[in-house]
Amino acid sequence: MRRMALVALTAIAASGCERELPFESTVTQSISGYRVEGYVTDRLGMPLKDVRVGLWYDFNPIDDSTLPSRDFLVNDSTKPAVVRVLDIQQRMVKVLFDGRAPVGNLELRWSNTDSGGKQVPSGVYKMEFLLGGVLRNSYTIIVNGAVSAVTDSLGHYVIPNENLPVDYSPAPLYASTGERFLGNYRITPFIVLEFNLDVPRRASLTLKKNEITRYDLRI
């Protein structure tokens, strides 16, 4: 049997009271890629439903010199322009613009929501600009710290491989305003889960490829 790496746990105690630390389990089932799953229960072992689980990535720097172009230049107003967002599996997430635009730079920013207005989970996304059906430019967007799983009636949650893009690069990062370029990075196997409870809990995990990483939280 393969053993999971020891999980470093961090609890956020907003009230300043000492809380019981969560526990971890070992999973031996093999998969392709990465997956995180587990159960959230109370002290009596009763499942907690609708607990939102945020996902944070860790990054290693690559360089700060290659600034991705985020310009969408329309040089022919007679051609239809399309700006769309795709996920890492090339599935359509949202169309931001579809029509004709005047000559000049098409200024559009994505609010990290899908076509239904729902916030997307943490992951790697790509914004594409097409003019006359021809791809003219695209750039990568990293969504980090977003809710990526919600527990079901059994207290069970799953974060799939598509939301765990370990080793993805180059991942361009920007300051909180979204304007200042911080550099290009590589996503590491280290993640942090944030359980949105009355007293939020955090758990630090190191993922192993082709293994399920199991984390059970008892509060």
N, C-alpha and C. Protein backbone atom coordinates (compact mmCIF):
# COMPACT_ATOMS: atom_id res chain seq x y z
N MET A 1 0.85 -1.19 0.00
CA MET A 1 0.00 0.00 0.00
C MET A 1 0.88 1.24 0.00
N ARG A 2 0.43 2.21 -0.75
CA ARG A 2 1.15 3.47 -0.75
C ARG A 2 0.58 4.38 0.30
N ARG A 3 1.45 5.12 0.94
CA ARG A 3 1.00 6.03 2.00
C ARG A 3 0.94 7.45 1.46
N MET A 4 -0.08 8.16 1.87
CA MET A 4 -0.16 9.57 1.54
C MET A 4 0.86 10.34 2.37
N ALA A 5 1.33 11.46 1.80
CA ALA A 5 2.21 12.34 2.57
C ALA A 5 1.43 12.95 3.72
N LEU A 6 2.14 13.20 4.81
CA LEU A 6 1.49 13.79 5.98
C LEU A 6 0.96 15.16 5.61
N VAL A 7 -0.29 15.42 5.99
CA VAL A 7 -0.95 16.67 5.65
C VAL A 7 -0.65 17.71 6.71
N ALA A 8 -0.20 18.87 6.28
CA ALA A 8 -0.01 19.98 7.21
C ALA A 8 -1.32 20.71 7.34
N LEU A 9 -1.79 20.85 8.57
CA LEU A 9 -3.12 21.41 8.81
C LEU A 9 -3.00 22.80 9.42
N THR A 10 -3.87 23.68 8.95
CA THR A 10 -3.95 25.01 9.52
C THR A 10 -5.38 25.33 9.81
N ALA A 11 -5.72 25.67 11.03
CA ALA A 11 -7.10 26.02 11.38
C ALA A 11 -7.20 27.51 11.57
N ILE A 12 -8.25 28.10 10.99
CA ILE A 12 -8.51 29.51 11.21
C ILE A 12 -9.50 29.62 12.35
N ALA A 13 -9.11 30.24 13.44
CA ALA A 13 -10.00 30.36 14.59
C ALA A 13 -10.35 31.83 14.77
N ALA A 14 -11.43 32.22 14.11
CA ALA A 14 -11.81 33.63 14.12
C ALA A 14 -12.14 34.10 15.52
N SER A 15 -12.62 33.19 16.36
CA SER A 15 -13.00 33.58 17.72
C SER A 15 -11.83 33.53 18.68
N GLY A 16 -10.69 32.97 18.21
CA GLY A 16 -9.52 32.86 19.06
C GLY A 16 -9.55 31.65 19.96
N CYS A 17 -10.61 30.80 19.85
CA CYS A 17 -10.71 29.61 20.70
C CYS A 17 -9.96 28.47 20.06
N GLU A 18 -9.40 27.60 20.85
CA GLU A 18 -8.70 26.42 20.35
C GLU A 18 -9.74 25.42 19.86
N ARG A 19 -9.51 24.87 18.67
CA ARG A 19 -10.45 23.94 18.07
C ARG A 19 -9.77 22.59 17.84
N GLU A 20 -10.57 21.56 17.76
CA GLU A 20 -10.04 20.22 17.47
C GLU A 20 -9.59 20.19 16.02
N LEU A 21 -8.40 19.65 15.75
CA LEU A 21 -7.89 19.58 14.39
C LEU A 21 -8.63 18.50 13.61
N PRO A 22 -8.78 18.71 12.28
CA PRO A 22 -9.38 17.68 11.43
C PRO A 22 -8.50 16.43 11.39
N PHE A 23 -9.03 15.38 10.76
CA PHE A 23 -8.25 14.16 10.63
C PHE A 23 -8.11 13.81 9.16
N GLU A 24 -7.15 12.96 8.84
CA GLU A 24 -6.92 12.55 7.46
C GLU A 24 -7.03 11.04 7.34
N SER A 25 -7.26 10.59 6.11
CA SER A 25 -7.37 9.16 5.84
C SER A 25 -6.47 8.80 4.67
N THR A 26 -6.20 7.54 4.51
CA THR A 26 -5.37 7.07 3.41
C THR A 26 -6.24 6.38 2.37
N VAL A 27 -5.98 6.69 1.10
CA VAL A 27 -6.71 6.09 0.00
C VAL A 27 -5.72 5.39 -0.91
N THR A 28 -6.00 4.18 -1.33
CA THR A 28 -5.08 3.42 -2.15
C THR A 28 -5.54 3.29 -3.60
N GLN A 29 -6.75 3.72 -3.90
CA GLN A 29 -7.27 3.60 -5.26
C GLN A 29 -6.46 4.46 -6.22
N SER A 30 -6.08 3.88 -7.37
CA SER A 30 -5.30 4.61 -8.36
C SER A 30 -6.24 5.29 -9.37
N ILE A 31 -5.82 6.45 -9.86
CA ILE A 31 -6.58 7.19 -10.85
C ILE A 31 -5.61 7.71 -11.90
N SER A 32 -6.13 8.42 -12.88
CA SER A 32 -5.30 9.08 -13.87
C SER A 32 -5.30 10.57 -13.56
N GLY A 33 -4.15 11.10 -13.19
CA GLY A 33 -4.07 12.51 -12.85
C GLY A 33 -4.19 12.73 -11.36
N TYR A 34 -5.03 13.69 -10.97
CA TYR A 34 -5.16 14.07 -9.56
C TYR A 34 -6.64 14.16 -9.18
N ARG A 35 -6.92 13.90 -7.92
CA ARG A 35 -8.26 14.10 -7.39
C ARG A 35 -8.17 14.25 -5.88
N VAL A 36 -9.02 15.13 -5.35
CA VAL A 36 -9.13 15.31 -3.90
C VAL A 36 -10.57 15.03 -3.51
N GLU A 37 -10.76 14.24 -2.46
CA GLU A 37 -12.12 14.00 -1.98
C GLU A 37 -12.10 13.67 -0.49
N GLY A 38 -13.27 13.76 0.11
CA GLY A 38 -13.38 13.45 1.53
C GLY A 38 -14.76 13.75 2.04
N TYR A 39 -14.90 13.71 3.37
CA TYR A 39 -16.17 13.94 4.03
C TYR A 39 -16.02 15.02 5.09
N VAL A 40 -17.07 15.79 5.27
CA VAL A 40 -17.12 16.79 6.32
C VAL A 40 -18.24 16.40 7.27
N THR A 41 -17.90 16.20 8.54
CA THR A 41 -18.88 15.76 9.54
C THR A 41 -18.74 16.57 10.81
N ASP A 42 -19.76 16.47 11.66
CA ASP A 42 -19.65 17.13 12.96
C ASP A 42 -18.98 16.17 13.94
N ARG A 43 -18.91 16.56 15.20
CA ARG A 43 -18.20 15.76 16.21
C ARG A 43 -18.86 14.41 16.47
N LEU A 44 -20.14 14.31 16.11
CA LEU A 44 -20.86 13.05 16.29
C LEU A 44 -20.82 12.18 15.04
N GLY A 45 -20.13 12.65 14.02
CA GLY A 45 -20.04 11.89 12.78
C GLY A 45 -21.19 12.12 11.82
N MET A 46 -22.04 13.11 12.10
CA MET A 46 -23.15 13.42 11.21
C MET A 46 -22.66 14.27 10.04
N PRO A 47 -23.08 13.93 8.81
CA PRO A 47 -22.59 14.66 7.64
C PRO A 47 -23.09 16.11 7.61
N LEU A 48 -22.25 16.98 7.11
CA LEU A 48 -22.61 18.38 6.94
C LEU A 48 -22.79 18.67 5.45
N LYS A 49 -23.99 19.07 5.09
CA LYS A 49 -24.33 19.33 3.69
C LYS A 49 -24.08 20.80 3.33
N ASP A 50 -23.80 21.02 2.05
CA ASP A 50 -23.66 22.36 1.47
C ASP A 50 -22.50 23.16 2.06
N VAL A 51 -21.46 22.46 2.47
CA VAL A 51 -20.23 23.16 2.89
C VAL A 51 -19.43 23.49 1.63
N ARG A 52 -19.16 24.76 1.43
CA ARG A 52 -18.42 25.20 0.25
C ARG A 52 -16.92 25.08 0.50
N VAL A 53 -16.23 24.48 -0.47
CA VAL A 53 -14.80 24.20 -0.33
C VAL A 53 -14.02 25.03 -1.35
N GLY A 54 -13.24 25.99 -0.86
CA GLY A 54 -12.40 26.79 -1.73
C GLY A 54 -11.09 26.08 -2.01
N LEU A 55 -10.48 26.40 -3.14
CA LEU A 55 -9.24 25.76 -3.56
C LEU A 55 -8.21 26.82 -3.93
N TRP A 56 -7.05 26.74 -3.26
CA TRP A 56 -5.95 27.67 -3.52
C TRP A 56 -4.75 26.91 -4.07
N TYR A 57 -4.12 27.48 -5.09
CA TYR A 57 -2.92 26.89 -5.68
C TYR A 57 -1.67 27.56 -5.11
N ASP A 58 -0.56 26.85 -5.28
CA ASP A 58 0.76 27.37 -4.95
C ASP A 58 1.54 27.46 -6.26
N PHE A 59 2.46 28.44 -6.35
CA PHE A 59 3.16 28.68 -7.61
C PHE A 59 4.67 28.80 -7.40
N ASN A 60 5.42 28.36 -8.40
CA ASN A 60 6.85 28.60 -8.46
C ASN A 60 7.13 29.52 -9.64
N PRO A 61 7.96 30.56 -9.45
CA PRO A 61 8.21 31.51 -10.54
C PRO A 61 9.03 30.90 -11.67
N ILE A 62 8.73 31.36 -12.88
CA ILE A 62 9.49 30.95 -14.07
C ILE A 62 10.28 32.15 -14.60
N ASP A 63 9.55 33.22 -14.94
CA ASP A 63 10.19 34.46 -15.40
C ASP A 63 9.21 35.61 -15.25
N ASP A 64 9.72 36.81 -15.37
CA ASP A 64 8.85 37.98 -15.30
C ASP A 64 9.01 38.88 -16.52
N SER A 65 9.54 38.31 -17.59
CA SER A 65 9.85 39.11 -18.78
C SER A 65 8.85 38.92 -19.92
N THR A 66 8.20 37.76 -19.98
CA THR A 66 7.30 37.48 -21.10
C THR A 66 5.88 37.88 -20.72
N LEU A 67 5.51 39.10 -21.06
CA LEU A 67 4.20 39.61 -20.72
C LEU A 67 3.18 39.18 -21.78
N PRO A 68 2.16 38.41 -21.40
CA PRO A 68 1.16 37.98 -22.38
C PRO A 68 0.38 39.18 -22.92
N SER A 69 0.13 39.19 -24.21
CA SER A 69 -0.67 40.25 -24.81
C SER A 69 -2.14 40.01 -24.53
N ARG A 70 -2.80 41.02 -23.99
CA ARG A 70 -4.23 40.92 -23.74
C ARG A 70 -5.02 41.88 -24.64
N ASP A 71 -4.38 42.27 -25.75
CA ASP A 71 -5.02 43.19 -26.70
C ASP A 71 -5.83 42.41 -27.74
N PHE A 72 -7.06 42.85 -27.95
CA PHE A 72 -7.92 42.28 -28.99
C PHE A 72 -8.17 43.38 -30.01
N LEU A 73 -7.34 43.43 -31.05
CA LEU A 73 -7.38 44.51 -32.04
C LEU A 73 -8.31 44.17 -33.19
N VAL A 74 -9.32 44.99 -33.37
CA VAL A 74 -10.24 44.86 -34.50
C VAL A 74 -9.73 45.76 -35.61
N ASN A 75 -9.29 45.18 -36.73
CA ASN A 75 -8.79 45.98 -37.85
C ASN A 75 -9.73 45.97 -39.05
N ASP A 76 -10.87 45.30 -38.90
CA ASP A 76 -11.88 45.26 -39.97
C ASP A 76 -13.25 45.18 -39.30
N SER A 77 -13.97 46.29 -39.32
CA SER A 77 -15.26 46.34 -38.63
C SER A 77 -16.37 45.59 -39.36
N THR A 78 -16.10 45.12 -40.58
CA THR A 78 -17.12 44.37 -41.32
C THR A 78 -17.13 42.89 -40.95
N LYS A 79 -16.09 42.44 -40.24
CA LYS A 79 -15.99 41.04 -39.86
C LYS A 79 -16.54 40.83 -38.44
N PRO A 80 -17.28 39.75 -38.22
CA PRO A 80 -17.80 39.49 -36.87
C PRO A 80 -16.66 39.17 -35.89
N ALA A 81 -16.76 39.75 -34.71
CA ALA A 81 -15.77 39.50 -33.67
C ALA A 81 -16.40 38.66 -32.56
N VAL A 82 -15.62 37.74 -32.03
CA VAL A 82 -16.07 36.88 -30.94
C VAL A 82 -14.99 36.86 -29.86
N VAL A 83 -15.41 37.08 -28.63
CA VAL A 83 -14.52 36.91 -27.49
C VAL A 83 -15.18 35.89 -26.58
N ARG A 84 -14.46 34.82 -26.28
CA ARG A 84 -15.04 33.73 -25.50
C ARG A 84 -14.04 33.21 -24.49
N VAL A 85 -14.57 32.52 -23.48
CA VAL A 85 -13.74 31.91 -22.44
C VAL A 85 -13.93 30.40 -22.50
N LEU A 86 -12.82 29.67 -22.50
CA LEU A 86 -12.83 28.21 -22.50
C LEU A 86 -12.14 27.71 -21.24
N ASP A 87 -12.51 26.50 -20.80
CA ASP A 87 -11.80 25.91 -19.66
C ASP A 87 -10.63 25.09 -20.15
N ILE A 88 -9.95 24.41 -19.25
CA ILE A 88 -8.73 23.69 -19.60
C ILE A 88 -9.01 22.52 -20.54
N GLN A 89 -10.27 22.06 -20.58
CA GLN A 89 -10.66 20.98 -21.47
C GLN A 89 -11.27 21.50 -22.77
N GLN A 90 -11.07 22.79 -23.03
CA GLN A 90 -11.55 23.44 -24.23
C GLN A 90 -13.08 23.49 -24.34
N ARG A 91 -13.75 23.43 -23.21
CA ARG A 91 -15.20 23.56 -23.20
C ARG A 91 -15.58 25.03 -23.04
N MET A 92 -16.66 25.41 -23.71
CA MET A 92 -17.10 26.79 -23.64
C MET A 92 -17.61 27.13 -22.25
N VAL A 93 -17.12 28.22 -21.72
CA VAL A 93 -17.56 28.69 -20.40
C VAL A 93 -18.50 29.88 -20.56
N LYS A 94 -18.09 30.82 -21.42
CA LYS A 94 -18.90 32.03 -21.58
C LYS A 94 -18.48 32.76 -22.85
N VAL A 95 -19.45 33.36 -23.54
CA VAL A 95 -19.18 34.24 -24.67
C VAL A 95 -19.34 35.67 -24.17
N LEU A 96 -18.26 36.44 -24.24
CA LEU A 96 -18.28 37.82 -23.75
C LEU A 96 -18.71 38.81 -24.81
N PHE A 97 -18.46 38.47 -26.07
CA PHE A 97 -18.84 39.37 -27.16
C PHE A 97 -19.04 38.54 -28.42
N ASP A 98 -20.08 38.87 -29.18
CA ASP A 98 -20.35 38.20 -30.46
C ASP A 98 -21.08 39.18 -31.35
N GLY A 99 -20.36 39.75 -32.29
CA GLY A 99 -20.97 40.74 -33.18
C GLY A 99 -19.89 41.55 -33.87
N ARG A 100 -20.29 42.67 -34.46
CA ARG A 100 -19.34 43.55 -35.12
C ARG A 100 -18.94 44.68 -34.18
N ALA A 101 -17.68 45.04 -34.27
CA ALA A 101 -17.14 46.07 -33.39
C ALA A 101 -16.38 47.10 -34.22
N PRO A 102 -16.31 48.35 -33.76
CA PRO A 102 -15.55 49.36 -34.50
C PRO A 102 -14.06 49.05 -34.48
N VAL A 103 -13.36 49.61 -35.45
CA VAL A 103 -11.92 49.42 -35.51
C VAL A 103 -11.27 49.98 -34.25
N GLY A 104 -10.36 49.20 -33.73
CA GLY A 104 -9.67 49.59 -32.50
C GLY A 104 -9.56 48.41 -31.55
N ASN A 105 -9.08 48.69 -30.37
CA ASN A 105 -8.89 47.63 -29.38
C ASN A 105 -10.21 47.33 -28.67
N LEU A 106 -10.60 46.05 -28.66
CA LEU A 106 -11.84 45.63 -28.01
C LEU A 106 -11.54 45.38 -26.53
N GLU A 107 -12.01 46.27 -25.68
CA GLU A 107 -11.71 46.22 -24.25
C GLU A 107 -12.75 45.36 -23.52
N LEU A 108 -12.34 44.19 -23.09
CA LEU A 108 -13.24 43.29 -22.36
C LEU A 108 -12.47 42.61 -21.24
N ARG A 109 -13.12 42.49 -20.10
CA ARG A 109 -12.54 41.74 -18.99
C ARG A 109 -13.58 40.76 -18.48
N TRP A 110 -13.12 39.61 -18.06
CA TRP A 110 -14.00 38.53 -17.61
C TRP A 110 -14.17 38.61 -16.09
N SER A 111 -15.41 38.40 -15.62
CA SER A 111 -15.73 38.48 -14.19
C SER A 111 -15.66 37.12 -13.49
N ASN A 112 -15.04 36.13 -14.15
CA ASN A 112 -14.89 34.77 -13.58
C ASN A 112 -16.24 34.08 -13.35
N THR A 113 -17.19 34.37 -14.23
CA THR A 113 -18.50 33.73 -14.16
C THR A 113 -18.78 32.98 -15.46
N ASP A 114 -19.65 31.97 -15.36
CA ASP A 114 -20.03 31.23 -16.56
C ASP A 114 -21.22 31.90 -17.24
N SER A 115 -21.77 31.23 -18.25
CA SER A 115 -22.87 31.82 -19.03
C SER A 115 -24.12 32.03 -18.20
N GLY A 116 -24.24 31.32 -17.08
CA GLY A 116 -25.38 31.48 -16.20
C GLY A 116 -25.15 32.46 -15.08
N GLY A 117 -23.98 33.11 -15.05
CA GLY A 117 -23.66 34.08 -14.02
C GLY A 117 -23.08 33.48 -12.76
N LYS A 118 -22.81 32.18 -12.76
CA LYS A 118 -22.26 31.51 -11.59
C LYS A 118 -20.75 31.60 -11.58
N GLN A 119 -20.17 31.84 -10.40
CA GLN A 119 -18.72 31.89 -10.29
C GLN A 119 -18.11 30.54 -10.65
N VAL A 120 -17.05 30.56 -11.45
CA VAL A 120 -16.40 29.32 -11.87
C VAL A 120 -15.45 28.84 -10.77
N PRO A 121 -15.14 27.54 -10.73
CA PRO A 121 -14.18 27.03 -9.75
C PRO A 121 -12.76 27.42 -10.08
N SER A 122 -11.86 27.21 -9.14
CA SER A 122 -10.44 27.44 -9.40
C SER A 122 -10.02 26.59 -10.60
N GLY A 123 -9.13 27.13 -11.41
CA GLY A 123 -8.68 26.38 -12.57
C GLY A 123 -7.96 27.27 -13.57
N VAL A 124 -7.62 26.66 -14.70
CA VAL A 124 -6.95 27.35 -15.81
C VAL A 124 -7.98 27.59 -16.90
N TYR A 125 -8.08 28.83 -17.32
CA TYR A 125 -9.04 29.21 -18.36
C TYR A 125 -8.31 30.00 -19.44
N LYS A 126 -8.93 30.07 -20.60
CA LYS A 126 -8.32 30.80 -21.70
C LYS A 126 -9.36 31.71 -22.34
N MET A 127 -8.98 32.97 -22.53
CA MET A 127 -9.83 33.92 -23.25
C MET A 127 -9.33 34.01 -24.69
N GLU A 128 -10.24 33.82 -25.65
CA GLU A 128 -9.88 33.82 -27.05
C GLU A 128 -10.60 34.95 -27.79
N PHE A 129 -9.89 35.51 -28.77
CA PHE A 129 -10.43 36.56 -29.64
C PHE A 129 -10.38 36.07 -31.08
N LEU A 130 -11.55 36.00 -31.70
CA LEU A 130 -11.65 35.59 -33.09
C LEU A 130 -12.23 36.74 -33.91
N LEU A 131 -11.70 36.94 -35.09
CA LEU A 131 -12.20 37.95 -36.01
C LEU A 131 -12.43 37.29 -37.36
N GLY A 132 -13.68 37.33 -37.82
CA GLY A 132 -14.01 36.65 -39.07
C GLY A 132 -13.80 35.15 -38.98
N GLY A 133 -13.96 34.59 -37.78
CA GLY A 133 -13.81 33.15 -37.58
C GLY A 133 -12.37 32.70 -37.43
N VAL A 134 -11.42 33.63 -37.44
CA VAL A 134 -9.99 33.30 -37.33
C VAL A 134 -9.49 33.73 -35.95
N LEU A 135 -8.80 32.83 -35.28
CA LEU A 135 -8.25 33.14 -33.96
C LEU A 135 -7.12 34.16 -34.11
N ARG A 136 -7.29 35.32 -33.47
CA ARG A 136 -6.30 36.39 -33.56
C ARG A 136 -5.43 36.50 -32.31
N ASN A 137 -5.99 36.17 -31.16
CA ASN A 137 -5.19 36.25 -29.94
C ASN A 137 -5.88 35.46 -28.84
N SER A 138 -5.09 35.02 -27.86
CA SER A 138 -5.65 34.35 -26.69
C SER A 138 -4.67 34.51 -25.54
N TYR A 139 -5.18 34.44 -24.32
CA TYR A 139 -4.29 34.47 -23.17
C TYR A 139 -4.92 33.67 -22.03
N THR A 140 -4.06 33.21 -21.14
CA THR A 140 -4.47 32.34 -20.04
C THR A 140 -4.87 33.16 -18.82
N ILE A 141 -5.91 32.68 -18.14
CA ILE A 141 -6.36 33.29 -16.90
C ILE A 141 -6.36 32.20 -15.82
N ILE A 142 -5.74 32.47 -14.69
CA ILE A 142 -5.74 31.54 -13.57
C ILE A 142 -6.75 32.03 -12.53
N VAL A 143 -7.75 31.22 -12.27
CA VAL A 143 -8.71 31.52 -11.21
C VAL A 143 -8.25 30.76 -9.97
N ASN A 144 -7.99 31.49 -8.89
CA ASN A 144 -7.42 30.90 -7.69
C ASN A 144 -8.26 31.29 -6.47
N GLY A 145 -8.44 30.35 -5.54
CA GLY A 145 -9.16 30.64 -4.31
C GLY A 145 -10.67 30.58 -4.43
N ALA A 146 -11.18 30.07 -5.56
CA ALA A 146 -12.63 30.01 -5.76
C ALA A 146 -13.21 28.73 -5.17
N VAL A 147 -14.49 28.76 -4.86
CA VAL A 147 -15.19 27.56 -4.41
C VAL A 147 -15.17 26.53 -5.53
N SER A 148 -14.67 25.34 -5.24
CA SER A 148 -14.48 24.32 -6.26
C SER A 148 -15.20 23.02 -5.96
N ALA A 149 -15.88 22.95 -4.82
CA ALA A 149 -16.67 21.77 -4.45
C ALA A 149 -17.66 22.17 -3.36
N VAL A 150 -18.76 21.43 -3.28
CA VAL A 150 -19.77 21.62 -2.23
C VAL A 150 -20.17 20.24 -1.74
N THR A 151 -20.22 20.06 -0.42
CA THR A 151 -20.56 18.74 0.11
C THR A 151 -22.02 18.39 -0.19
N ASP A 152 -22.26 17.08 -0.43
CA ASP A 152 -23.62 16.60 -0.69
C ASP A 152 -24.29 16.18 0.63
N SER A 153 -25.40 15.47 0.51
CA SER A 153 -26.17 15.09 1.70
C SER A 153 -25.41 14.12 2.61
N LEU A 154 -24.36 13.48 2.07
CA LEU A 154 -23.53 12.58 2.86
C LEU A 154 -22.30 13.29 3.42
N GLY A 155 -22.20 14.58 3.14
CA GLY A 155 -21.03 15.33 3.58
C GLY A 155 -19.83 15.12 2.68
N HIS A 156 -20.05 14.53 1.52
CA HIS A 156 -18.96 14.16 0.61
C HIS A 156 -18.68 15.28 -0.39
N TYR A 157 -17.40 15.51 -0.68
CA TYR A 157 -17.01 16.49 -1.70
C TYR A 157 -15.93 15.88 -2.59
N VAL A 158 -15.85 16.37 -3.84
CA VAL A 158 -14.84 15.90 -4.79
C VAL A 158 -14.32 17.09 -5.58
N ILE A 159 -13.00 17.19 -5.70
CA ILE A 159 -12.38 18.14 -6.61
C ILE A 159 -11.68 17.34 -7.69
N PRO A 160 -12.14 17.43 -8.95
CA PRO A 160 -11.61 16.56 -10.01
C PRO A 160 -10.29 17.05 -10.59
N ASN A 161 -9.73 16.22 -11.43
CA ASN A 161 -8.44 16.47 -12.05
C ASN A 161 -8.40 17.80 -12.80
N GLU A 162 -9.49 18.14 -13.48
CA GLU A 162 -9.50 19.35 -14.31
C GLU A 162 -9.30 20.62 -13.49
N ASN A 163 -9.57 20.56 -12.19
CA ASN A 163 -9.37 21.71 -11.33
C ASN A 163 -8.09 21.61 -10.51
N LEU A 164 -7.24 20.64 -10.86
CA LEU A 164 -5.96 20.45 -10.17
C LEU A 164 -4.85 20.39 -11.21
N PRO A 165 -4.58 21.52 -11.89
CA PRO A 165 -3.64 21.54 -13.02
C PRO A 165 -2.18 21.60 -12.58
N VAL A 166 -1.75 20.57 -11.88
CA VAL A 166 -0.37 20.52 -11.38
C VAL A 166 0.61 20.56 -12.54
N ASP A 167 1.66 21.35 -12.39
CA ASP A 167 2.74 21.53 -13.37
C ASP A 167 2.34 22.38 -14.56
N TYR A 168 1.14 22.93 -14.56
CA TYR A 168 0.77 23.80 -15.68
C TYR A 168 1.66 25.03 -15.70
N SER A 169 2.12 25.39 -16.91
CA SER A 169 2.91 26.60 -17.09
C SER A 169 2.86 27.00 -18.58
N PRO A 170 3.10 28.25 -18.92
CA PRO A 170 3.25 29.36 -17.98
C PRO A 170 1.88 29.84 -17.49
N ALA A 171 1.80 30.05 -16.19
CA ALA A 171 0.59 30.58 -15.57
C ALA A 171 0.85 32.04 -15.25
N PRO A 172 0.30 32.97 -16.05
CA PRO A 172 0.55 34.39 -15.80
C PRO A 172 -0.24 34.89 -14.60
N LEU A 173 0.42 35.57 -13.69
CA LEU A 173 -0.24 36.10 -12.51
C LEU A 173 -0.18 37.62 -12.53
N TYR A 174 -1.24 38.23 -11.98
CA TYR A 174 -1.36 39.68 -11.95
C TYR A 174 -1.67 40.13 -10.52
N ALA A 175 -1.42 41.38 -10.22
CA ALA A 175 -1.77 41.94 -8.92
C ALA A 175 -3.28 41.92 -8.75
N SER A 176 -3.75 42.18 -7.53
CA SER A 176 -5.17 42.06 -7.23
C SER A 176 -6.04 42.95 -8.10
N THR A 177 -5.49 44.05 -8.61
CA THR A 177 -6.25 44.93 -9.49
C THR A 177 -6.42 44.33 -10.88
N GLY A 178 -5.61 43.30 -11.19
CA GLY A 178 -5.69 42.66 -12.49
C GLY A 178 -4.88 43.34 -13.57
N GLU A 179 -4.17 44.40 -13.24
CA GLU A 179 -3.44 45.15 -14.26
C GLU A 179 -1.94 44.90 -14.22
N ARG A 180 -1.32 44.95 -13.04
CA ARG A 180 0.15 44.82 -12.95
C ARG A 180 0.56 43.36 -13.07
N PHE A 181 1.41 43.08 -14.05
CA PHE A 181 1.89 41.72 -14.32
C PHE A 181 2.95 41.34 -13.31
N LEU A 182 2.76 40.19 -12.66
CA LEU A 182 3.71 39.73 -11.64
C LEU A 182 4.73 38.76 -12.19
N GLY A 183 4.40 38.09 -13.29
CA GLY A 183 5.32 37.13 -13.87
C GLY A 183 4.62 35.85 -14.27
N ASN A 184 5.39 34.97 -14.89
CA ASN A 184 4.89 33.65 -15.28
C ASN A 184 5.34 32.62 -14.26
N TYR A 185 4.42 31.70 -13.93
CA TYR A 185 4.66 30.74 -12.86
C TYR A 185 4.28 29.33 -13.30
N ARG A 186 4.70 28.36 -12.50
CA ARG A 186 4.29 26.97 -12.65
C ARG A 186 3.46 26.58 -11.43
N ILE A 187 2.35 25.89 -11.66
CA ILE A 187 1.50 25.45 -10.55
C ILE A 187 2.12 24.21 -9.91
N THR A 188 2.27 24.23 -8.59
CA THR A 188 2.93 23.14 -7.87
C THR A 188 1.89 22.13 -7.36
N PRO A 189 2.34 20.98 -6.83
CA PRO A 189 1.40 19.99 -6.28
C PRO A 189 0.84 20.37 -4.90
N PHE A 190 1.27 21.50 -4.35
CA PHE A 190 0.82 21.92 -3.02
C PHE A 190 -0.45 22.75 -3.16
N ILE A 191 -1.49 22.39 -2.42
CA ILE A 191 -2.75 23.14 -2.47
C ILE A 191 -3.23 23.42 -1.04
N VAL A 192 -4.16 24.34 -0.93
CA VAL A 192 -4.83 24.62 0.34
C VAL A 192 -6.33 24.56 0.10
N LEU A 193 -7.02 23.79 0.93
CA LEU A 193 -8.48 23.74 0.91
C LEU A 193 -9.00 24.67 2.00
N GLU A 194 -10.05 25.40 1.68
CA GLU A 194 -10.68 26.28 2.67
C GLU A 194 -12.15 25.90 2.81
N PHE A 195 -12.50 25.41 3.99
CA PHE A 195 -13.87 24.98 4.26
C PHE A 195 -14.62 26.16 4.88
N ASN A 196 -15.66 26.61 4.17
CA ASN A 196 -16.40 27.80 4.60
C ASN A 196 -17.45 27.43 5.63
N LEU A 197 -17.02 27.44 6.89
CA LEU A 197 -17.89 27.13 8.02
C LEU A 197 -18.00 28.38 8.89
N ASP A 198 -18.77 28.28 9.98
CA ASP A 198 -18.88 29.41 10.90
C ASP A 198 -17.50 29.85 11.37
N VAL A 199 -16.67 28.87 11.67
CA VAL A 199 -15.25 29.12 11.91
C VAL A 199 -14.50 28.45 10.77
N PRO A 200 -14.04 29.21 9.78
CA PRO A 200 -13.41 28.61 8.59
C PRO A 200 -12.23 27.72 8.98
N ARG A 201 -12.06 26.65 8.22
CA ARG A 201 -10.93 25.73 8.42
C ARG A 201 -10.12 25.66 7.13
N ARG A 202 -8.83 25.53 7.29
CA ARG A 202 -7.95 25.35 6.14
C ARG A 202 -7.12 24.07 6.33
N ALA A 203 -6.83 23.42 5.21
CA ALA A 203 -5.98 22.24 5.23
C ALA A 203 -5.01 22.32 4.07
N SER A 204 -3.73 22.11 4.36
CA SER A 204 -2.68 22.12 3.34
C SER A 204 -2.40 20.68 2.91
N LEU A 205 -2.40 20.45 1.60
CA LEU A 205 -2.20 19.10 1.07
C LEU A 205 -1.14 19.11 -0.02
N THR A 206 -0.40 18.02 -0.13
CA THR A 206 0.52 17.83 -1.25
C THR A 206 -0.02 16.69 -2.10
N LEU A 207 -0.33 16.97 -3.34
CA LEU A 207 -0.95 15.99 -4.23
C LEU A 207 0.09 15.04 -4.79
N LYS A 208 -0.34 13.79 -5.02
CA LYS A 208 0.48 12.79 -5.69
C LYS A 208 -0.22 12.36 -6.98
N LYS A 209 0.54 12.32 -8.05
CA LYS A 209 -0.04 11.98 -9.34
C LYS A 209 -0.55 10.55 -9.35
N ASN A 210 -1.70 10.37 -9.99
CA ASN A 210 -2.35 9.06 -10.16
C ASN A 210 -2.78 8.44 -8.83
N GLU A 211 -2.99 9.29 -7.82
CA GLU A 211 -3.52 8.83 -6.54
C GLU A 211 -4.60 9.80 -6.07
N ILE A 212 -5.61 9.28 -5.40
CA ILE A 212 -6.62 10.13 -4.78
C ILE A 212 -6.04 10.66 -3.46
N THR A 213 -6.13 11.97 -3.28
CA THR A 213 -5.75 12.57 -2.01
C THR A 213 -7.02 12.72 -1.19
N ARG A 214 -7.06 12.07 -0.04
CA ARG A 214 -8.25 12.05 0.80
C ARG A 214 -8.06 12.98 1.99
N TYR A 215 -9.06 13.83 2.21
CA TYR A 215 -9.02 14.67 3.40
C TYR A 215 -10.41 14.74 4.00
N ASP A 216 -10.56 14.20 5.22
CA ASP A 216 -11.82 14.22 5.94
C ASP A 216 -11.73 15.25 7.06
N LEU A 217 -12.77 16.04 7.20
CA LEU A 217 -12.79 17.07 8.21
C LEU A 217 -13.89 16.80 9.22
N ARG A 218 -13.53 16.70 10.47
CA ARG A 218 -14.50 16.56 11.56
C ARG A 218 -14.40 17.80 12.42
N ILE A 219 -15.53 18.47 12.65
CA ILE A 219 -15.49 19.73 13.39
C ILE A 219 -16.22 19.59 14.73
